[in-house]
Amino acid sequence: MMFNKKGYTRQHVVVAIIVLLVFLGIMLIAYFLLGDRLQGYLQAAKDIFRFGK
Protein backbone atom coordinates (compact mmCIF):
# COMPACT_ATOMS: atom_id res chain seq x y z
CA MET A 1 0.00 0.00 0.00
CA MET A 2 1.14 3.52 -0.69
CA PHE A 3 0.27 4.52 2.89
CA ASN A 4 3.21 2.54 4.24
CA LYS A 5 5.74 4.82 2.49
CA LYS A 6 4.50 7.83 4.43
CA GLY A 7 4.55 5.97 7.73
CA TYR A 8 0.81 5.38 7.92
CA THR A 9 -0.37 1.99 9.02
CA ARG A 10 -3.73 0.43 8.28
CA GLN A 11 -4.74 1.30 11.85
CA HIS A 12 -4.19 4.99 11.19
CA VAL A 13 -6.39 4.80 8.10
CA VAL A 14 -9.15 2.96 9.98
CA VAL A 15 -9.04 5.48 12.85
CA ALA A 16 -9.19 8.38 10.39
CA ILE A 17 -12.20 6.85 8.62
CA ILE A 18 -13.98 6.21 11.94
CA VAL A 19 -13.34 9.79 13.07
CA LEU A 20 -14.72 11.10 9.78
CA LEU A 21 -17.82 8.90 10.06
CA VAL A 22 -18.45 9.99 13.66
CA PHE A 23 -18.03 13.64 12.65
CA LEU A 24 -20.46 13.20 9.76
CA GLY A 25 -22.93 11.48 12.09
CA ILE A 26 -22.76 14.35 14.57
CA MET A 27 -23.27 16.85 11.76
CA LEU A 28 -26.32 14.93 10.47
CA ILE A 29 -27.85 14.67 13.96
CA ALA A 30 -27.25 18.37 14.59
CA TYR A 31 -28.77 19.19 11.20
CA PHE A 32 -31.91 17.16 11.93
CA LEU A 33 -32.25 18.53 15.48
CA LEU A 34 -31.54 22.15 14.55
CA GLY A 35 -32.67 22.07 10.93
CA ASP A 36 -35.67 24.36 11.41
CA ARG A 37 -33.68 26.83 13.51
CA LEU A 38 -30.80 26.78 11.04
CA GLN A 39 -33.18 27.52 8.18
CA GLY A 40 -34.61 30.38 10.21
CA TYR A 41 -31.12 31.75 10.86
CA LEU A 42 -30.22 31.38 7.17
CA GLN A 43 -33.40 33.17 6.12
CA ALA A 44 -32.73 35.99 8.60
CA ALA A 45 -29.13 36.25 7.40
CA LYS A 46 -30.31 36.41 3.78
CA ASP A 47 -32.81 39.16 4.63
CA ILE A 48 -30.17 41.13 6.56
CA PHE A 49 -27.70 40.70 3.71
CA ARG A 50 -30.34 41.71 1.17
CA PHE A 51 -31.41 44.84 3.06
CA GLY A 52 -27.84 45.65 4.06
CA LYS A 53 -26.89 46.66 0.53
PDB file of N, CA and C in Angstrom:
ATOM      1  N   MET A   1       0.839  -1.206   0.000  1.00  0.00           N
ATOM      2  CA  MET A   1       0.000   0.000   0.000  1.00  0.00           C
ATOM      3  C   MET A   1       0.871   1.252   0.000  1.00  0.00           C
ATOM      4  N   MET A   2       0.366   2.287  -0.613  1.00  0.00           N
ATOM      5  CA  MET A   2       1.139   3.523  -0.687  1.00  0.00           C
ATOM      6  C   MET A   2       1.181   4.234   0.666  1.00  0.00           C
ATOM      7  N   PHE A   3       0.273   3.873   1.578  1.00  0.00           N
ATOM      8  CA  PHE A   3       0.270   4.521   2.886  1.00  0.00           C
ATOM      9  C   PHE A   3       1.532   4.187   3.668  1.00  0.00           C
ATOM     10  N   ASN A   4       2.072   2.982   3.447  1.00  0.00           N
ATOM     11  CA  ASN A   4       3.212   2.538   4.236  1.00  0.00           C
ATOM     12  C   ASN A   4       4.445   3.400   3.980  1.00  0.00           C
ATOM     13  N   LYS A   5       4.570   3.985   2.791  1.00  0.00           N
ATOM     14  CA  LYS A   5       5.736   4.816   2.492  1.00  0.00           C
ATOM     15  C   LYS A   5       5.742   6.073   3.353  1.00  0.00           C
ATOM     16  N   LYS A   6       4.580   6.599   3.642  1.00  0.00           N
ATOM     17  CA  LYS A   6       4.500   7.829   4.433  1.00  0.00           C
ATOM     18  C   LYS A   6       4.489   7.544   5.928  1.00  0.00           C
ATOM     19  N   GLY A   7       4.532   6.297   6.311  1.00  0.00           N
ATOM     20  CA  GLY A   7       4.552   5.971   7.730  1.00  0.00           C
ATOM     21  C   GLY A   7       3.171   5.694   8.290  1.00  0.00           C
ATOM     22  N   TYR A   8       2.153   5.716   7.444  1.00  0.00           N
ATOM     23  CA  TYR A   8       0.813   5.382   7.917  1.00  0.00           C
ATOM     24  C   TYR A   8       0.661   3.868   7.962  1.00  0.00           C
ATOM     25  N   THR A   9      -0.029   3.401   8.983  1.00  0.00           N
ATOM     26  CA  THR A   9      -0.375   1.985   9.016  1.00  0.00           C
ATOM     27  C   THR A   9      -1.856   1.853   8.719  1.00  0.00           C
ATOM     28  N   ARG A  10      -2.308   0.638   8.562  1.00  0.00           N
ATOM     29  CA  ARG A  10      -3.727   0.430   8.284  1.00  0.00           C
ATOM     30  C   ARG A  10      -4.561   0.924   9.461  1.00  0.00           C
ATOM     31  N   GLN A  11      -4.004   0.818  10.681  1.00  0.00           N
ATOM     32  CA  GLN A  11      -4.741   1.303  11.853  1.00  0.00           C
ATOM     33  C   GLN A  11      -5.003   2.802  11.748  1.00  0.00           C
ATOM     34  N   HIS A  12      -4.005   3.551  11.318  1.00  0.00           N
ATOM     35  CA  HIS A  12      -4.194   4.992  11.191  1.00  0.00           C
ATOM     36  C   HIS A  12      -5.323   5.296  10.216  1.00  0.00           C
ATOM     37  N   VAL A  13      -5.353   4.567   9.111  1.00  0.00           N
ATOM     38  CA  VAL A  13      -6.392   4.798   8.104  1.00  0.00           C
ATOM     39  C   VAL A  13      -7.762   4.476   8.684  1.00  0.00           C
ATOM     40  N   VAL A  14      -7.860   3.357   9.398  1.00  0.00           N
ATOM     41  CA  VAL A  14      -9.152   2.964   9.984  1.00  0.00           C
ATOM     42  C   VAL A  14      -9.609   4.003  10.999  1.00  0.00           C
ATOM     43  N   VAL A  15      -8.684   4.468  11.839  1.00  0.00           N
ATOM     44  CA  VAL A  15      -9.042   5.477  12.847  1.00  0.00           C
ATOM     45  C   VAL A  15      -9.506   6.757  12.165  1.00  0.00           C
ATOM     46  N   ALA A  16      -8.807   7.159  11.104  1.00  0.00           N
ATOM     47  CA  ALA A  16      -9.191   8.380  10.394  1.00  0.00           C
ATOM     48  C   ALA A  16     -10.589   8.239   9.802  1.00  0.00           C
ATOM     49  N   ILE A  17     -10.878   7.073   9.215  1.00  0.00           N
ATOM     50  CA  ILE A  17     -12.202   6.854   8.619  1.00  0.00           C
ATOM     51  C   ILE A  17     -13.278   6.873   9.701  1.00  0.00           C
ATOM     52  N   ILE A  18     -12.998   6.233  10.848  1.00  0.00           N
ATOM     53  CA  ILE A  18     -13.979   6.208  11.938  1.00  0.00           C
ATOM     54  C   ILE A  18     -14.239   7.623  12.443  1.00  0.00           C
ATOM     55  N   VAL A  19     -13.173   8.411  12.602  1.00  0.00           N
ATOM     56  CA  VAL A  19     -13.341   9.791  13.072  1.00  0.00           C
ATOM     57  C   VAL A  19     -14.194  10.580  12.085  1.00  0.00           C
ATOM     58  N   LEU A  20     -13.931  10.389  10.790  1.00  0.00           N
ATOM     59  CA  LEU A  20     -14.720  11.098   9.782  1.00  0.00           C
ATOM     60  C   LEU A  20     -16.186  10.684   9.846  1.00  0.00           C
ATOM     61  N   LEU A  21     -16.438   9.379  10.006  1.00  0.00           N
ATOM     62  CA  LEU A  21     -17.820   8.896  10.063  1.00  0.00           C
ATOM     63  C   LEU A  21     -18.532   9.447  11.292  1.00  0.00           C
ATOM     64  N   VAL A  22     -17.841   9.454  12.430  1.00  0.00           N
ATOM     65  CA  VAL A  22     -18.450   9.991  13.656  1.00  0.00           C
ATOM     66  C   VAL A  22     -18.757  11.469  13.469  1.00  0.00           C
ATOM     67  N   PHE A  23     -17.815  12.205  12.870  1.00  0.00           N
ATOM     68  CA  PHE A  23     -18.029  13.638  12.646  1.00  0.00           C
ATOM     69  C   PHE A  23     -19.229  13.862  11.735  1.00  0.00           C
ATOM     70  N   LEU A  24     -19.326  13.072  10.667  1.00  0.00           N
ATOM     71  CA  LEU A  24     -20.464  13.199   9.757  1.00  0.00           C
ATOM     72  C   LEU A  24     -21.766  12.872  10.481  1.00  0.00           C
ATOM     73  N   GLY A  25     -21.740  11.842  11.337  1.00  0.00           N
ATOM     74  CA  GLY A  25     -22.934  11.479  12.089  1.00  0.00           C
ATOM     75  C   GLY A  25     -23.384  12.608  12.998  1.00  0.00           C
ATOM     76  N   ILE A  26     -22.425  13.230  13.675  1.00  0.00           N
ATOM     77  CA  ILE A  26     -22.761  14.348  14.568  1.00  0.00           C
ATOM     78  C   ILE A  26     -23.346  15.498  13.757  1.00  0.00           C
ATOM     79  N   MET A  27     -22.761  15.763  12.588  1.00  0.00           N
ATOM     80  CA  MET A  27     -23.271  16.849  11.756  1.00  0.00           C
ATOM     81  C   MET A  27     -24.702  16.552  11.306  1.00  0.00           C
ATOM     82  N   LEU A  28     -24.969  15.294  10.912  1.00  0.00           N
ATOM     83  CA  LEU A  28     -26.317  14.935  10.473  1.00  0.00           C
ATOM     84  C   LEU A  28     -27.315  15.073  11.614  1.00  0.00           C
ATOM     85  N   ILE A  29     -26.943  14.580  12.807  1.00  0.00           N
ATOM     86  CA  ILE A  29     -27.846  14.672  13.956  1.00  0.00           C
ATOM     87  C   ILE A  29     -28.117  16.132  14.286  1.00  0.00           C
ATOM     88  N   ALA A  30     -27.070  16.950  14.289  1.00  0.00           N
ATOM     89  CA  ALA A  30     -27.248  18.374  14.591  1.00  0.00           C
ATOM     90  C   ALA A  30     -28.135  19.020  13.533  1.00  0.00           C
ATOM     91  N   TYR A  31     -27.964  18.597  12.273  1.00  0.00           N
ATOM     92  CA  TYR A  31     -28.770  19.185  11.202  1.00  0.00           C
ATOM     93  C   TYR A  31     -30.242  18.828  11.381  1.00  0.00           C
ATOM     94  N   PHE A  32     -30.515  17.561  11.753  1.00  0.00           N
ATOM     95  CA  PHE A  32     -31.914  17.164  11.927  1.00  0.00           C
ATOM     96  C   PHE A  32     -32.517  17.807  13.172  1.00  0.00           C
ATOM     97  N   LEU A  33     -31.723  17.941  14.244  1.00  0.00           N
ATOM     98  CA  LEU A  33     -32.250  18.525  15.475  1.00  0.00           C
ATOM     99  C   LEU A  33     -32.448  20.029  15.327  1.00  0.00           C
ATOM    100  N   LEU A  34     -31.505  20.689  14.640  1.00  0.00           N
ATOM    101  CA  LEU A  34     -31.537  22.149  14.554  1.00  0.00           C
ATOM    102  C   LEU A  34     -31.913  22.625  13.157  1.00  0.00           C
ATOM    103  N   GLY A  35     -32.401  21.713  12.322  1.00  0.00           N
ATOM    104  CA  GLY A  35     -32.672  22.066  10.934  1.00  0.00           C
ATOM    105  C   GLY A  35     -33.593  23.265  10.791  1.00  0.00           C
ATOM    106  N   ASP A  36     -34.712  23.262  11.529  1.00  0.00           N
ATOM    107  CA  ASP A  36     -35.666  24.363  11.410  1.00  0.00           C
ATOM    108  C   ASP A  36     -35.031  25.664  11.877  1.00  0.00           C
ATOM    109  N   ARG A  37     -34.318  25.613  13.008  1.00  0.00           N
ATOM    110  CA  ARG A  37     -33.683  26.831  13.514  1.00  0.00           C
ATOM    111  C   ARG A  37     -32.626  27.326  12.539  1.00  0.00           C
ATOM    112  N   LEU A  38     -31.846  26.375  11.985  1.00  0.00           N
ATOM    113  CA  LEU A  38     -30.796  26.777  11.039  1.00  0.00           C
ATOM    114  C   LEU A  38     -31.416  27.438   9.815  1.00  0.00           C
ATOM    115  N   GLN A  39     -32.532  26.901   9.334  1.00  0.00           N
ATOM    116  CA  GLN A  39     -33.177  27.516   8.178  1.00  0.00           C
ATOM    117  C   GLN A  39     -33.679  28.906   8.537  1.00  0.00           C
ATOM    118  N   GLY A  40     -34.180  29.061   9.764  1.00  0.00           N
ATOM    119  CA  GLY A  40     -34.614  30.381  10.210  1.00  0.00           C
ATOM    120  C   GLY A  40     -33.450  31.354  10.254  1.00  0.00           C
ATOM    121  N   TYR A  41     -32.302  30.890  10.799  1.00  0.00           N
ATOM    122  CA  TYR A  41     -31.118  31.747  10.855  1.00  0.00           C
ATOM    123  C   TYR A  41     -30.660  32.118   9.447  1.00  0.00           C
ATOM    124  N   LEU A  42     -30.666  31.116   8.544  1.00  0.00           N
ATOM    125  CA  LEU A  42     -30.224  31.383   7.175  1.00  0.00           C
ATOM    126  C   LEU A  42     -31.149  32.391   6.506  1.00  0.00           C
ATOM    127  N   GLN A  43     -32.450  32.241   6.726  1.00  0.00           N
ATOM    128  CA  GLN A  43     -33.397  33.172   6.118  1.00  0.00           C
ATOM    129  C   GLN A  43     -33.178  34.576   6.666  1.00  0.00           C
ATOM    130  N   ALA A  44     -32.980  34.681   7.994  1.00  0.00           N
ATOM    131  CA  ALA A  44     -32.731  35.987   8.605  1.00  0.00           C
ATOM    132  C   ALA A  44     -31.438  36.586   8.054  1.00  0.00           C
ATOM    133  N   ALA A  45     -30.409  35.753   7.926  1.00  0.00           N
ATOM    134  CA  ALA A  45     -29.134  36.248   7.401  1.00  0.00           C
ATOM    135  C   ALA A  45     -29.299  36.726   5.958  1.00  0.00           C
ATOM    136  N   LYS A  46     -30.076  35.991   5.161  1.00  0.00           N
ATOM    137  CA  LYS A  46     -30.309  36.409   3.777  1.00  0.00           C
ATOM    138  C   LYS A  46     -31.040  37.748   3.747  1.00  0.00           C
ATOM    139  N   ASP A  47     -32.061  37.899   4.609  1.00  0.00           N
ATOM    140  CA  ASP A  47     -32.807  39.155   4.633  1.00  0.00           C
ATOM    141  C   ASP A  47     -31.895  40.299   5.045  1.00  0.00           C
ATOM    142  N   ILE A  48     -31.085  40.079   6.097  1.00  0.00           N
ATOM    143  CA  ILE A  48     -30.170  41.130   6.560  1.00  0.00           C
ATOM    144  C   ILE A  48     -29.194  41.484   5.446  1.00  0.00           C
ATOM    145  N   PHE A  49     -28.665  40.453   4.782  1.00  0.00           N
ATOM    146  CA  PHE A  49     -27.698  40.696   3.707  1.00  0.00           C
ATOM    147  C   PHE A  49     -28.364  41.442   2.550  1.00  0.00           C
ATOM    148  N   ARG A  50     -29.619  41.094   2.289  1.00  0.00           N
ATOM    149  CA  ARG A  50     -30.338  41.705   1.170  1.00  0.00           C
ATOM    150  C   ARG A  50     -30.622  43.179   1.480  1.00  0.00           C
ATOM    151  N   PHE A  51     -31.074  43.455   2.708  1.00  0.00           N
ATOM    152  CA  PHE A  51     -31.405  44.837   3.065  1.00  0.00           C
ATOM    153  C   PHE A  51     -30.158  45.638   3.411  1.00  0.00           C
ATOM    154  N   GLY A  52     -29.060  44.937   3.676  1.00  0.00           N
ATOM    155  CA  GLY A  52     -27.844  45.648   4.060  1.00  0.00           C
ATOM    156  C   GLY A  52     -27.235  46.426   2.909  1.00  0.00           C
ATOM    157  N   LYS A  53     -27.517  45.979   1.671  1.00  0.00           N
ATOM    158  CA  LYS A  53     -26.891  46.665   0.531  1.00  0.00           C
ATOM    159  C   LYS A  53     -27.578  47.993   0.303  1.00  0.00           C
TER     160      LYS A  53
END
